[in-house]
Structures are given as structure tokens and as C-alpha cells.
Amino acid sequence: MADLGKKKKYCVNCLADVTDVRLRCTDCADIELCPECFSAGAELGSHRKWHGYQQVDGGRFSLWGAAAEGGWTGREEKALLDAIEQYGFGNW
């Protein structure tokens, strides 16, 4: 059953549904892109591809897809990268 309380969001470039995962520009108001348009470096109006951004997904989106072994979320992958940065790769 659909989540009736969840407002749908759309990519401002291609109008794809980005309700579950999107990239929001931290320099421009109302710029939210789908991962594909973000990766392609979409620029609209005063928005530039080098602007800061934040991933909006609640940490549930897997960077490697649902078929990836272990099913890690974006939040878990970020925690791993933070630990590697802090303690060094292979230093467990």
C-alpha cells in the first residue's frame, strides 16, 4: 500500500521521481537532482555542478544496489569511509 503521508519529489532537470533518493544543492534554493542528472553535472539557471550538495535519503539507499552482498546502506558506507579516513585502510 502506498505511503499516503509522503509527498512526492521530482528532479528539477528531468522530472524523474526522486522521493526516495535525491541530491540537494546547498548553495541554491529548490534544486534537487536525481543521481543520474547529478552525475552528468546538470546545471540549471544559477546552479553549477561544483556547488555543495547533500544526499537526501535517510541513509537507506545502497550505493551498490539491492543485489549487493550484505545490503549496506549509504549511512553504513559513509561510516566505513569515515573510519578508514580516521584510522587508515587495513588498520583494524
C-alpha atoms as a PDB file:
ATOM      1  CA  MET A   1       0.000   0.000   0.000  1.00  0.00           C
ATOM      2  CA  ALA A   2       1.277   3.480  -0.864  1.00  0.00           C
ATOM      3  CA  ASP A   3       2.511   5.823   1.840  1.00  0.00           C
ATOM      4  CA  LEU A   4      -0.210   8.484   1.689  1.00  0.00           C
ATOM      5  CA  GLY A   5       1.631  10.894   4.007  1.00  0.00           C
ATOM      6  CA  LYS A   6       4.757  11.070   1.835  1.00  0.00           C
ATOM      7  CA  LYS A   7       4.892  13.994  -0.599  1.00  0.00           C
ATOM      8  CA  LYS A   8       6.460  13.069  -3.936  1.00  0.00           C
ATOM      9  CA  LYS A   9       9.615  14.900  -5.024  1.00  0.00           C
ATOM     10  CA  TYR A  10      10.874  15.272  -8.602  1.00  0.00           C
ATOM     11  CA  CYS A  11      14.241  16.030 -10.195  1.00  0.00           C
ATOM     12  CA  VAL A  12      14.238  19.656 -11.365  1.00  0.00           C
ATOM     13  CA  ASN A  13      16.165  18.676 -14.502  1.00  0.00           C
ATOM     14  CA  CYS A  14      14.482  15.523 -15.895  1.00  0.00           C
ATOM     15  CA  LEU A  15      11.361  15.324 -13.656  1.00  0.00           C
ATOM     16  CA  ALA A  16      12.158  11.762 -12.515  1.00  0.00           C
ATOM     17  CA  ASP A  17      10.660  10.679  -9.183  1.00  0.00           C
ATOM     18  CA  VAL A  18      13.337  11.330  -6.527  1.00  0.00           C
ATOM     19  CA  THR A  19      11.156  10.814  -3.459  1.00  0.00           C
ATOM     20  CA  ASP A  20      13.412   8.036  -2.114  1.00  0.00           C
ATOM     21  CA  VAL A  21      16.863   9.424  -3.015  1.00  0.00           C
ATOM     22  CA  ARG A  22      17.990  12.802  -4.320  1.00  0.00           C
ATOM     23  CA  LEU A  23      20.889  15.230  -4.155  1.00  0.00           C
ATOM     24  CA  ARG A  24      20.061  18.696  -2.833  1.00  0.00           C
ATOM     25  CA  CYS A  25      22.204  21.734  -3.681  1.00  0.00           C
ATOM     26  CA  THR A  26      23.382  23.520  -0.535  1.00  0.00           C
ATOM     27  CA  ASP A  27      24.009  26.768  -2.457  1.00  0.00           C
ATOM     28  CA  CYS A  28      20.710  27.083  -4.364  1.00  0.00           C
ATOM     29  CA  ALA A  29      17.151  27.063  -3.083  1.00  0.00           C
ATOM     30  CA  ASP A  30      14.878  24.359  -4.513  1.00  0.00           C
ATOM     31  CA  ILE A  31      17.497  22.441  -6.541  1.00  0.00           C
ATOM     32  CA  GLU A  32      17.124  18.685  -6.062  1.00  0.00           C
ATOM     33  CA  LEU A  33      18.522  16.305  -8.672  1.00  0.00           C
ATOM     34  CA  CYS A  34      18.261  12.593  -9.349  1.00  0.00           C
ATOM     35  CA  PRO A  35      21.554  10.666  -9.120  1.00  0.00           C
ATOM     36  CA  GLU A  36      21.755  10.429 -12.938  1.00  0.00           C
ATOM     37  CA  CYS A  37      21.433  14.196 -13.547  1.00  0.00           C
ATOM     38  CA  PHE A  38      23.802  14.923 -10.653  1.00  0.00           C
ATOM     39  CA  SER A  39      26.385  12.507 -12.099  1.00  0.00           C
ATOM     40  CA  ALA A  40      26.042  14.119 -15.524  1.00  0.00           C
ATOM     41  CA  GLY A  41      26.784  17.551 -13.991  1.00  0.00           C
ATOM     42  CA  ALA A  42      23.399  19.151 -14.696  1.00  0.00           C
ATOM     43  CA  GLU A  43      23.403  22.955 -14.423  1.00  0.00           C
ATOM     44  CA  LEU A  44      20.175  24.994 -14.315  1.00  0.00           C
ATOM     45  CA  GLY A  45      19.849  28.765 -14.006  1.00  0.00           C
ATOM     46  CA  SER A  46      22.433  29.869 -11.428  1.00  0.00           C
ATOM     47  CA  HIS A  47      23.060  26.287 -10.202  1.00  0.00           C
ATOM     48  CA  ARG A  48      26.555  24.999 -11.037  1.00  0.00           C
ATOM     49  CA  LYS A  49      27.864  21.441 -10.841  1.00  0.00           C
ATOM     50  CA  TRP A  50      30.627  22.470  -8.409  1.00  0.00           C
ATOM     51  CA  HIS A  51      28.137  23.684  -5.753  1.00  0.00           C
ATOM     52  CA  GLY A  52      27.953  21.855  -2.431  1.00  0.00           C
ATOM     53  CA  TYR A  53      25.340  19.148  -2.068  1.00  0.00           C
ATOM     54  CA  GLN A  54      23.791  16.759   0.409  1.00  0.00           C
ATOM     55  CA  GLN A  55      22.285  13.336  -0.201  1.00  0.00           C
ATOM     56  CA  VAL A  56      18.687  13.116   0.959  1.00  0.00           C
ATOM     57  CA  ASP A  57      17.526   9.547   1.619  1.00  0.00           C
ATOM     58  CA  GLY A  58      17.501   8.905   5.345  1.00  0.00           C
ATOM     59  CA  GLY A  59      20.574   6.686   4.951  1.00  0.00           C
ATOM     60  CA  ARG A  60      18.588   3.807   3.460  1.00  0.00           C
ATOM     61  CA  PHE A  61      19.869   3.990  -0.114  1.00  0.00           C
ATOM     62  CA  SER A  62      22.562   1.469  -1.079  1.00  0.00           C
ATOM     63  CA  LEU A  63      25.293   2.857  -3.312  1.00  0.00           C
ATOM     64  CA  TRP A  64      25.840  -0.628  -4.781  1.00  0.00           C
ATOM     65  CA  GLY A  65      22.205  -1.565  -5.420  1.00  0.00           C
ATOM     66  CA  ALA A  66      19.853  -4.054  -3.807  1.00  0.00           C
ATOM     67  CA  ALA A  67      21.736  -7.058  -5.220  1.00  0.00           C
ATOM     68  CA  ALA A  68      24.967  -6.124  -3.403  1.00  0.00           C
ATOM     69  CA  GLU A  69      26.154  -8.671  -0.867  1.00  0.00           C
ATOM     70  CA  GLY A  70      25.286  -7.591   2.655  1.00  0.00           C
ATOM     71  CA  GLY A  71      22.890  -4.852   1.535  1.00  0.00           C
ATOM     72  CA  TRP A  72      24.844  -1.969   3.113  1.00  0.00           C
ATOM     73  CA  THR A  73      23.075   1.381   3.306  1.00  0.00           C
ATOM     74  CA  GLY A  74      24.585   4.728   2.331  1.00  0.00           C
ATOM     75  CA  ARG A  75      24.836   5.616   6.028  1.00  0.00           C
ATOM     76  CA  GLU A  76      26.829   2.427   6.760  1.00  0.00           C
ATOM     77  CA  GLU A  77      29.128   3.003   3.787  1.00  0.00           C
ATOM     78  CA  LYS A  78      29.789   6.559   4.982  1.00  0.00           C
ATOM     79  CA  ALA A  79      30.627   5.261   8.465  1.00  0.00           C
ATOM     80  CA  LEU A  80      33.126   2.833   6.915  1.00  0.00           C
ATOM     81  CA  LEU A  81      34.762   5.590   4.852  1.00  0.00           C
ATOM     82  CA  ASP A  82      34.929   7.858   7.927  1.00  0.00           C
ATOM     83  CA  ALA A  83      36.659   5.066   9.882  1.00  0.00           C
ATOM     84  CA  ILE A  84      39.149   4.449   7.040  1.00  0.00           C
ATOM     85  CA  GLU A  85      39.916   8.162   6.925  1.00  0.00           C
ATOM     86  CA  GLN A  86      40.394   8.350  10.699  1.00  0.00           C
ATOM     87  CA  TYR A  87      42.258   5.071  11.348  1.00  0.00           C
ATOM     88  CA  GLY A  88      43.763   4.191   7.966  1.00  0.00           C
ATOM     89  CA  PHE A  89      42.963   1.427   5.497  1.00  0.00           C
ATOM     90  CA  GLY A  90      43.604  -2.072   6.836  1.00  0.00           C
ATOM     91  CA  ASN A  91      44.392  -0.807  10.329  1.00  0.00           C
ATOM     92  CA  TRP A  92      41.748  -2.765  12.229  1.00  0.00           C
END
